[in-house]
């Protein structure tokens, strides 16, 4: 089922909240993105930033599983949502 941009942004905001509440993973996210904690608040409405949140989350299966288990959603949902945000379209090389 394709995601609308609004529902993808909502899921990404939930992922951002989940990351912000994870004392071990938040510093990894901040370090890998170069974002500060104030950037999280300031850019939370930016669809491109929310896409980067889902990009980060989907880098590790364990993170995806923990996030999805916390919401009770299927493991493929974050990637489906990512594809609905800027820069998330699948590239077809053929």
PDB file of N, CA and C in Angstrom:
ATOM      1  N   UNK A   1       0.842  -1.174   0.000  1.00  0.00           N
ATOM      2  CA  UNK A   1       0.000   0.000   0.000  1.00  0.00           C
ATOM      3  C   UNK A   1       0.895   1.248   0.000  1.00  0.00           C
ATOM      4  N   UNK A   2       0.753   2.106  -1.009  1.00  0.00           N
ATOM      5  CA  UNK A   2       1.563   3.321  -1.057  1.00  0.00           C
ATOM      6  C   UNK A   2       1.170   4.294   0.055  1.00  0.00           C
ATOM      7  N   UNK A   3       2.145   4.968   0.575  1.00  0.00           N
ATOM      8  CA  UNK A   3       1.927   5.956   1.630  1.00  0.00           C
ATOM      9  C   UNK A   3       1.664   7.315   1.011  1.00  0.00           C
ATOM     10  N   UNK A   4       0.794   8.071   1.648  1.00  0.00           N
ATOM     11  CA  UNK A   4       0.659   9.482   1.286  1.00  0.00           C
ATOM     12  C   UNK A   4       1.814  10.219   1.964  1.00  0.00           C
ATOM     13  N   UNK A   5       2.122  11.393   1.467  1.00  0.00           N
ATOM     14  CA  UNK A   5       3.191  12.184   2.078  1.00  0.00           C
ATOM     15  C   UNK A   5       2.854  12.499   3.537  1.00  0.00           C
ATOM     16  N   UNK A   6       1.595  12.800   3.816  1.00  0.00           N
ATOM     17  CA  UNK A   6       1.194  13.129   5.189  1.00  0.00           C
ATOM     18  C   UNK A   6       1.379  11.952   6.140  1.00  0.00           C
ATOM     19  N   UNK A   7       0.956  10.770   5.712  1.00  0.00           N
ATOM     20  CA  UNK A   7       1.100   9.608   6.600  1.00  0.00           C
ATOM     21  C   UNK A   7       2.567   9.219   6.753  1.00  0.00           C
ATOM     22  N   UNK A   8       3.367   9.433   5.708  1.00  0.00           N
ATOM     23  CA  UNK A   8       4.798   9.157   5.800  1.00  0.00           C
ATOM     24  C   UNK A   8       5.464  10.120   6.778  1.00  0.00           C
ATOM     25  N   UNK A   9       5.072  11.389   6.723  1.00  0.00           N
ATOM     26  CA  UNK A   9       5.619  12.371   7.656  1.00  0.00           C
ATOM     27  C   UNK A   9       5.228  12.037   9.091  1.00  0.00           C
ATOM     28  N   UNK A  10       4.003  11.592   9.282  1.00  0.00           N
ATOM     29  CA  UNK A  10       3.543  11.217  10.625  1.00  0.00           C
ATOM     30  C   UNK A  10       4.369  10.061  11.173  1.00  0.00           C
ATOM     31  N   UNK A  11       4.609   9.052  10.336  1.00  0.00           N
ATOM     32  CA  UNK A  11       5.420   7.923  10.786  1.00  0.00           C
ATOM     33  C   UNK A  11       6.846   8.373  11.077  1.00  0.00           C
ATOM     34  N   UNK A  12       7.399   9.234  10.232  1.00  0.00           N
ATOM     35  CA  UNK A  12       8.761   9.728  10.451  1.00  0.00           C
ATOM     36  C   UNK A  12       8.846  10.531  11.745  1.00  0.00           C
ATOM     37  N   UNK A  13       7.818  11.297  12.064  1.00  0.00           N
ATOM     38  CA  UNK A  13       7.793  12.023  13.341  1.00  0.00           C
ATOM     39  C   UNK A  13       7.772  11.053  14.516  1.00  0.00           C
ATOM     40  N   UNK A  14       7.053   9.960  14.373  1.00  0.00           N
ATOM     41  CA  UNK A  14       7.057   8.933  15.426  1.00  0.00           C
ATOM     42  C   UNK A  14       8.448   8.328  15.555  1.00  0.00           C
ATOM     43  N   UNK A  15       9.105   8.120  14.420  1.00  0.00           N
ATOM     44  CA  UNK A  15      10.470   7.586  14.453  1.00  0.00           C
ATOM     45  C   UNK A  15      11.424   8.574  15.115  1.00  0.00           C
ATOM     46  N   UNK A  16      11.241   9.855  14.821  1.00  0.00           N
ATOM     47  CA  UNK A  16      12.065  10.884  15.446  1.00  0.00           C
ATOM     48  C   UNK A  16      11.855  10.889  16.956  1.00  0.00           C
ATOM     49  N   UNK A  17      10.618  10.785  17.378  1.00  0.00           N
ATOM     50  CA  UNK A  17      10.323  10.714  18.811  1.00  0.00           C
ATOM     51  C   UNK A  17      10.921   9.483  19.456  1.00  0.00           C
ATOM     52  N   UNK A  18      10.871   8.367  18.738  1.00  0.00           N
ATOM     53  CA  UNK A  18      11.449   7.123  19.244  1.00  0.00           C
ATOM     54  C   UNK A  18      12.963   7.277  19.382  1.00  0.00           C
ATOM     55  N   UNK A  19      13.594   7.873  18.373  1.00  0.00           N
ATOM     56  CA  UNK A  19      15.042   8.106  18.443  1.00  0.00           C
ATOM     57  C   UNK A  19      15.398   9.038  19.591  1.00  0.00           C
ATOM     58  N   UNK A  20      14.613  10.108  19.754  1.00  0.00           N
ATOM     59  CA  UNK A  20      14.890  11.083  20.807  1.00  0.00           C
ATOM     60  C   UNK A  20      14.801  10.454  22.201  1.00  0.00           C
ATOM     61  N   UNK A  21      13.978   9.450  22.332  1.00  0.00           N
ATOM     62  CA  UNK A  21      13.832   8.769  23.610  1.00  0.00           C
ATOM     63  C   UNK A  21      14.798   7.621  23.810  1.00  0.00           C
ATOM     64  N   UNK A  22      15.657   7.368  22.841  1.00  0.00           N
ATOM     65  CA  UNK A  22      16.605   6.259  22.918  1.00  0.00           C
ATOM     66  C   UNK A  22      17.986   6.830  23.253  1.00  0.00           C
ATOM     67  N   UNK A  23      18.390   6.691  24.515  1.00  0.00           N
ATOM     68  CA  UNK A  23      19.639   7.291  24.985  1.00  0.00           C
ATOM     69  C   UNK A  23      20.881   6.742  24.286  1.00  0.00           C
ATOM     70  N   UNK A  24      20.815   5.521  23.804  1.00  0.00           N
ATOM     71  CA  UNK A  24      21.970   4.933  23.120  1.00  0.00           C
ATOM     72  C   UNK A  24      22.013   5.319  21.646  1.00  0.00           C
ATOM     73  N   UNK A  25      20.867   5.371  21.011  1.00  0.00           N
ATOM     74  CA  UNK A  25      20.818   5.593  19.566  1.00  0.00           C
ATOM     75  C   UNK A  25      20.795   7.068  19.178  1.00  0.00           C
ATOM     76  N   UNK A  26      20.243   7.929  20.010  1.00  0.00           N
ATOM     77  CA  UNK A  26      20.170   9.349  19.674  1.00  0.00           C
ATOM     78  C   UNK A  26      21.550   9.945  19.384  1.00  0.00           C
ATOM     79  N   UNK A  27      22.568   9.692  20.210  1.00  0.00           N
ATOM     80  CA  UNK A  27      23.887  10.256  19.897  1.00  0.00           C
ATOM     81  C   UNK A  27      24.457   9.726  18.568  1.00  0.00           C
ATOM     82  N   UNK A  28      24.132   8.499  18.228  1.00  0.00           N
ATOM     83  CA  UNK A  28      24.591   7.930  16.951  1.00  0.00           C
ATOM     84  C   UNK A  28      23.917   8.679  15.801  1.00  0.00           C
ATOM     85  N   UNK A  29      22.618   8.924  15.934  1.00  0.00           N
ATOM     86  CA  UNK A  29      21.889   9.675  14.911  1.00  0.00           C
ATOM     87  C   UNK A  29      22.449  11.088  14.776  1.00  0.00           C
ATOM     88  N   UNK A  30      22.630  11.768  15.895  1.00  0.00           N
ATOM     89  CA  UNK A  30      23.141  13.135  15.849  1.00  0.00           C
ATOM     90  C   UNK A  30      24.541  13.171  15.244  1.00  0.00           C
ATOM     91  N   UNK A  31      25.369  12.227  15.618  1.00  0.00           N
ATOM     92  CA  UNK A  31      26.725  12.180  15.087  1.00  0.00           C
ATOM     93  C   UNK A  31      26.778  11.868  13.605  1.00  0.00           C
ATOM     94  N   UNK A  32      25.915  10.981  13.157  1.00  0.00           N
ATOM     95  CA  UNK A  32      25.961  10.597  11.742  1.00  0.00           C
ATOM     96  C   UNK A  32      25.307  11.628  10.832  1.00  0.00           C
ATOM     97  N   UNK A  33      24.370  12.407  11.356  1.00  0.00           N
ATOM     98  CA  UNK A  33      23.693  13.407  10.531  1.00  0.00           C
ATOM     99  C   UNK A  33      24.296  14.797  10.688  1.00  0.00           C
ATOM    100  N   UNK A  34      25.026  15.010  11.775  1.00  0.00           N
ATOM    101  CA  UNK A  34      25.550  16.339  12.055  1.00  0.00           C
ATOM    102  C   UNK A  34      24.505  17.267  12.641  1.00  0.00           C
ATOM    103  N   UNK A  35      23.343  16.733  12.954  1.00  0.00           N
ATOM    104  CA  UNK A  35      22.265  17.540  13.531  1.00  0.00           C
ATOM    105  C   UNK A  35      22.502  17.738  15.022  1.00  0.00           C
ATOM    106  N   UNK A  36      21.997  18.834  15.526  1.00  0.00           N
ATOM    107  CA  UNK A  36      22.032  19.086  16.968  1.00  0.00           C
ATOM    108  C   UNK A  36      20.638  18.796  17.526  1.00  0.00           C
ATOM    109  N   UNK A  37      20.530  18.786  18.839  1.00  0.00           N
ATOM    110  CA  UNK A  37      19.215  18.554  19.432  1.00  0.00           C
ATOM    111  C   UNK A  37      18.245  19.679  19.068  1.00  0.00           C
ATOM    112  N   UNK A  38      18.731  20.891  18.938  1.00  0.00           N
ATOM    113  CA  UNK A  38      17.839  21.986  18.532  1.00  0.00           C
ATOM    114  C   UNK A  38      17.399  21.813  17.081  1.00  0.00           C
ATOM    115  N   UNK A  39      18.268  21.232  16.237  1.00  0.00           N
ATOM    116  CA  UNK A  39      17.878  20.948  14.855  1.00  0.00           C
ATOM    117  C   UNK A  39      16.691  19.989  14.799  1.00  0.00           C
ATOM    118  N   UNK A  40      16.634  19.069  15.746  1.00  0.00           N
ATOM    119  CA  UNK A  40      15.522  18.107  15.762  1.00  0.00           C
ATOM    120  C   UNK A  40      14.197  18.843  15.878  1.00  0.00           C
ATOM    121  N   UNK A  41      14.147  19.829  16.747  1.00  0.00           N
ATOM    122  CA  UNK A  41      12.911  20.599  16.927  1.00  0.00           C
ATOM    123  C   UNK A  41      12.650  21.500  15.721  1.00  0.00           C
ATOM    124  N   UNK A  42      13.697  22.159  15.253  1.00  0.00           N
ATOM    125  CA  UNK A  42      13.534  23.129  14.169  1.00  0.00           C
ATOM    126  C   UNK A  42      13.193  22.480  12.832  1.00  0.00           C
ATOM    127  N   UNK A  43      13.703  21.284  12.592  1.00  0.00           N
ATOM    128  CA  UNK A  43      13.519  20.654  11.293  1.00  0.00           C
ATOM    129  C   UNK A  43      12.463  19.546  11.287  1.00  0.00           C
ATOM    130  N   UNK A  44      11.770  19.378  12.382  1.00  0.00           N
ATOM    131  CA  UNK A  44      10.786  18.300  12.487  1.00  0.00           C
ATOM    132  C   UNK A  44       9.649  18.426  11.476  1.00  0.00           C
ATOM    133  N   UNK A  45       9.427  19.612  10.950  1.00  0.00           N
ATOM    134  CA  UNK A  45       8.363  19.804   9.950  1.00  0.00           C
ATOM    135  C   UNK A  45       8.885  19.724   8.516  1.00  0.00           C
ATOM    136  N   UNK A  46      10.173  19.510   8.344  1.00  0.00           N
ATOM    137  CA  UNK A  46      10.785  19.457   7.015  1.00  0.00           C
ATOM    138  C   UNK A  46      10.742  18.029   6.474  1.00  0.00           C
ATOM    139  N   UNK A  47       9.988  17.783   5.400  1.00  0.00           N
ATOM    140  CA  UNK A  47       9.888  16.427   4.860  1.00  0.00           C
ATOM    141  C   UNK A  47      11.237  15.816   4.478  1.00  0.00           C
ATOM    142  N   UNK A  48      12.177  16.626   4.009  1.00  0.00           N
ATOM    143  CA  UNK A  48      13.498  16.091   3.653  1.00  0.00           C
ATOM    144  C   UNK A  48      14.241  15.620   4.905  1.00  0.00           C
ATOM    145  N   UNK A  49      14.141  16.382   5.992  1.00  0.00           N
ATOM    146  CA  UNK A  49      14.766  15.963   7.251  1.00  0.00           C
ATOM    147  C   UNK A  49      14.105  14.691   7.772  1.00  0.00           C
ATOM    148  N   UNK A  50      12.793  14.630   7.687  1.00  0.00           N
ATOM    149  CA  UNK A  50      12.085  13.422   8.136  1.00  0.00           C
ATOM    150  C   UNK A  50      12.506  12.218   7.303  1.00  0.00           C
ATOM    151  N   UNK A  51      12.774  12.443   6.021  1.00  0.00           N
ATOM    152  CA  UNK A  51      13.299  11.357   5.187  1.00  0.00           C
ATOM    153  C   UNK A  51      14.640  10.876   5.702  1.00  0.00           C
ATOM    154  N   UNK A  52      15.473  11.806   6.163  1.00  0.00           N
ATOM    155  CA  UNK A  52      16.783  11.408   6.698  1.00  0.00           C
ATOM    156  C   UNK A  52      16.630  10.605   7.990  1.00  0.00           C
ATOM    157  N   UNK A  53      15.590  10.905   8.761  1.00  0.00           N
ATOM    158  CA  UNK A  53      15.321  10.124   9.971  1.00  0.00           C
ATOM    159  C   UNK A  53      15.024   8.668   9.580  1.00  0.00           C
ATOM    160  N   UNK A  54      14.181   8.499   8.580  1.00  0.00           N
ATOM    161  CA  UNK A  54      13.855   7.140   8.145  1.00  0.00           C
ATOM    162  C   UNK A  54      15.040   6.478   7.447  1.00  0.00           C
ATOM    163  N   UNK A  55      15.856   7.263   6.734  1.00  0.00           N
ATOM    164  CA  UNK A  55      17.084   6.702   6.149  1.00  0.00           C
ATOM    165  C   UNK A  55      17.959   6.117   7.244  1.00  0.00           C
ATOM    166  N   UNK A  56      18.135   6.870   8.306  1.00  0.00           N
ATOM    167  CA  UNK A  56      18.956   6.403   9.417  1.00  0.00           C
ATOM    168  C   UNK A  56      18.356   5.160  10.055  1.00  0.00           C
ATOM    169  N   UNK A  57      17.082   5.216  10.345  1.00  0.00           N
ATOM    170  CA  UNK A  57      16.421   4.096  11.011  1.00  0.00           C
ATOM    171  C   UNK A  57      16.559   2.804  10.212  1.00  0.00           C
ATOM    172  N   UNK A  58      16.408   2.901   8.904  1.00  0.00           N
ATOM    173  CA  UNK A  58      16.405   1.699   8.070  1.00  0.00           C
ATOM    174  C   UNK A  58      17.804   1.189   7.754  1.00  0.00           C
ATOM    175  N   UNK A  59      18.831   1.807   8.324  1.00  0.00           N
ATOM    176  CA  UNK A  59      20.193   1.324   8.132  1.00  0.00           C
ATOM    177  C   UNK A  59      20.461   0.032   8.890  1.00  0.00           C
ATOM    178  N   UNK A  60      19.677  -0.260   9.890  1.00  0.00           N
ATOM    179  CA  UNK A  60      19.939  -1.425  10.736  1.00  0.00           C
ATOM    180  C   UNK A  60      18.635  -2.160  11.017  1.00  0.00           C
ATOM    181  N   UNK A  61      18.611  -3.425  10.682  1.00  0.00           N
ATOM    182  CA  UNK A  61      17.399  -4.227  10.887  1.00  0.00           C
ATOM    183  C   UNK A  61      16.957  -4.241  12.346  1.00  0.00           C
ATOM    184  N   UNK A  62      17.904  -4.268  13.271  1.00  0.00           N
ATOM    185  CA  UNK A  62      17.543  -4.296  14.692  1.00  0.00           C
ATOM    186  C   UNK A  62      16.821  -3.019  15.092  1.00  0.00           C
ATOM    187  N   UNK A  63      17.241  -1.877  14.529  1.00  0.00           N
ATOM    188  CA  UNK A  63      16.571  -0.614  14.832  1.00  0.00           C
ATOM    189  C   UNK A  63      15.162  -0.611  14.268  1.00  0.00           C
ATOM    190  N   UNK A  64      15.022  -1.095  13.041  1.00  0.00           N
ATOM    191  CA  UNK A  64      13.699  -1.168  12.408  1.00  0.00           C
ATOM    192  C   UNK A  64      12.784  -2.043  13.247  1.00  0.00           C
ATOM    193  N   UNK A  65      13.296  -3.199  13.633  1.00  0.00           N
ATOM    194  CA  UNK A  65      12.473  -4.130  14.408  1.00  0.00           C
ATOM    195  C   UNK A  65      12.065  -3.527  15.749  1.00  0.00           C
ATOM    196  N   UNK A  66      12.996  -2.884  16.437  1.00  0.00           N
ATOM    197  CA  UNK A  66      12.672  -2.285  17.739  1.00  0.00           C
ATOM    198  C   UNK A  66      11.640  -1.176  17.588  1.00  0.00           C
ATOM    199  N   UNK A  67      11.817  -0.324  16.579  1.00  0.00           N
ATOM    200  CA  UNK A  67      10.863   0.757  16.346  1.00  0.00           C
ATOM    201  C   UNK A  67       9.491   0.190  15.999  1.00  0.00           C
ATOM    202  N   UNK A  68       9.448  -0.719  15.050  1.00  0.00           N
ATOM    203  CA  UNK A  68       8.162  -1.285  14.625  1.00  0.00           C
ATOM    204  C   UNK A  68       7.483  -2.047  15.752  1.00  0.00           C
ATOM    205  N   UNK A  69       8.265  -2.783  16.527  1.00  0.00           N
ATOM    206  CA  UNK A  69       7.682  -3.507  17.659  1.00  0.00           C
ATOM    207  C   UNK A  69       7.086  -2.527  18.679  1.00  0.00           C
ATOM    208  N   UNK A  70       7.719  -1.369  18.843  1.00  0.00           N
ATOM    209  CA  UNK A  70       7.199  -0.391  19.806  1.00  0.00           C
ATOM    210  C   UNK A  70       5.858   0.179  19.355  1.00  0.00           C
ATOM    211  N   UNK A  71       5.632   0.217  18.034  1.00  0.00           N
ATOM    212  CA  UNK A  71       4.362   0.725  17.497  1.00  0.00           C
ATOM    213  C   UNK A  71       3.383  -0.376  17.120  1.00  0.00           C
ATOM    214  N   UNK A  72       3.868  -1.613  17.086  1.00  0.00           N
ATOM    215  CA  UNK A  72       3.013  -2.714  16.671  1.00  0.00           C
ATOM    216  C   UNK A  72       2.693  -2.683  15.184  1.00  0.00           C
ATOM    217  N   UNK A  73       3.685  -2.300  14.375  1.00  0.00           N
ATOM    218  CA  UNK A  73       3.486  -2.236  12.917  1.00  0.00           C
ATOM    219  C   UNK A  73       4.420  -3.217  12.218  1.00  0.00           C
ATOM    220  N   UNK A  74       4.128  -3.501  10.968  1.00  0.00           N
ATOM    221  CA  UNK A  74       4.944  -4.424  10.177  1.00  0.00           C
ATOM    222  C   UNK A  74       6.312  -3.809   9.893  1.00  0.00           C
ATOM    223  N   UNK A  75       7.322  -4.658   9.767  1.00  0.00           N
ATOM    224  CA  UNK A  75       8.694  -4.214   9.592  1.00  0.00           C
ATOM    225  C   UNK A  75       8.952  -3.478   8.278  1.00  0.00           C
ATOM    226  N   UNK A  76       8.127  -3.680   7.298  1.00  0.00           N
ATOM    227  CA  UNK A  76       8.358  -3.006   6.011  1.00  0.00           C
ATOM    228  C   UNK A  76       7.790  -1.579   5.970  1.00  0.00           C
ATOM    229  N   UNK A  77       7.022  -1.199   6.953  1.00  0.00           N
ATOM    230  CA  UNK A  77       6.355   0.108   6.959  1.00  0.00           C
ATOM    231  C   UNK A  77       7.334   1.282   6.897  1.00  0.00           C
ATOM    232  N   UNK A  78       8.423   1.294   7.689  1.00  0.00           N
ATOM    233  CA  UNK A  78       9.324   2.450   7.590  1.00  0.00           C
ATOM    234  C   UNK A  78       9.889   2.665   6.181  1.00  0.00           C
ATOM    235  N   UNK A  79      10.234   1.609   5.479  1.00  0.00           N
ATOM    236  CA  UNK A  79      10.765   1.771   4.130  1.00  0.00           C
ATOM    237  C   UNK A  79       9.675   2.240   3.169  1.00  0.00           C
ATOM    238  N   UNK A  80       8.477   1.752   3.344  1.00  0.00           N
ATOM    239  CA  UNK A  80       7.374   2.215   2.500  1.00  0.00           C
ATOM    240  C   UNK A  80       7.120   3.703   2.732  1.00  0.00           C
ATOM    241  N   UNK A  81       7.180   4.113   3.986  1.00  0.00           N
ATOM    242  CA  UNK A  81       6.998   5.535   4.294  1.00  0.00           C
ATOM    243  C   UNK A  81       8.148   6.349   3.716  1.00  0.00           C
ATOM    244  N   UNK A  82       9.358   5.819   3.794  1.00  0.00           N
ATOM    245  CA  UNK A  82      10.523   6.543   3.275  1.00  0.00           C
ATOM    246  C   UNK A  82      10.373   6.851   1.791  1.00  0.00           C
ATOM    247  N   UNK A  83       9.810   5.936   1.057  1.00  0.00           N
ATOM    248  CA  UNK A  83       9.666   6.115  -0.385  1.00  0.00           C
ATOM    249  C   UNK A  83       8.684   7.234  -0.725  1.00  0.00           C
ATOM    250  N   UNK A  84       7.846   7.635   0.223  1.00  0.00           N
ATOM    251  CA  UNK A  84       6.864   8.702  -0.020  1.00  0.00           C
ATOM    252  C   UNK A  84       7.401  10.093   0.316  1.00  0.00           C
ATOM    253  N   UNK A  85       8.608  10.150   0.868  1.00  0.00           N
ATOM    254  CA  UNK A  85       9.195  11.438   1.241  1.00  0.00           C
ATOM    255  C   UNK A  85      10.248  11.857   0.213  1.00  0.00           C
ATOM    256  N   UNK A  86      10.624  13.132   0.184  1.00  0.00           N
ATOM    257  CA  UNK A  86      11.604  13.598  -0.799  1.00  0.00           C
ATOM    258  C   UNK A  86      12.891  12.771  -0.784  1.00  0.00           C
ATOM    259  N   UNK A  87      13.320  12.364  -1.971  1.00  0.00           N
ATOM    260  CA  UNK A  87      14.547  11.575  -2.110  1.00  0.00           C
ATOM    261  C   UNK A  87      14.355  10.093  -1.877  1.00  0.00           C
ATOM    262  N   UNK A  88      13.135   9.653  -1.652  1.00  0.00           N
ATOM    263  CA  UNK A  88      12.911   8.261  -1.319  1.00  0.00           C
ATOM    264  C   UNK A  88      12.457   7.384  -2.458  1.00  0.00           C
ATOM    265  N   UNK A  89      12.267   7.949  -3.631  1.00  0.00           N
ATOM    266  CA  UNK A  89      11.800   7.152  -4.767  1.00  0.00           C
ATOM    267  C   UNK A  89      12.837   6.108  -5.142  1.00  0.00           C
ATOM    268  N   UNK A  90      12.362   4.929  -5.466  1.00  0.00           N
ATOM    269  CA  UNK A  90      13.281   3.869  -5.889  1.00  0.00           C
ATOM    270  C   UNK A  90      13.810   4.210  -7.276  1.00  0.00           C
ATOM    271  N   UNK A  91      15.107   3.974  -7.442  1.00  0.00           N
ATOM    272  CA  UNK A  91      15.738   4.223  -8.724  1.00  0.00           C
ATOM    273  C   UNK A  91      15.741   2.935  -9.527  1.00  0.00           C
ATOM    274  N   UNK A  92      15.262   3.020 -10.753  1.00  0.00           N
ATOM    275  CA  UNK A  92      15.270   1.861 -11.648  1.00  0.00           C
ATOM    276  C   UNK A  92      16.327   2.098 -12.715  1.00  0.00           C
ATOM    277  N   UNK A  93      17.350   1.284 -12.736  1.00  0.00           N
ATOM    278  CA  UNK A  93      18.468   1.473 -13.646  1.00  0.00           C
ATOM    279  C   UNK A  93      18.273   0.786 -14.981  1.00  0.00           C
ATOM    280  N   UNK A  94      17.188   0.073 -15.140  1.00  0.00           N
ATOM    281  CA  UNK A  94      16.983  -0.621 -16.429  1.00  0.00           C
ATOM    282  C   UNK A  94      16.064   0.145 -17.330  1.00  0.00           C
TER     283      UNK A  94
END
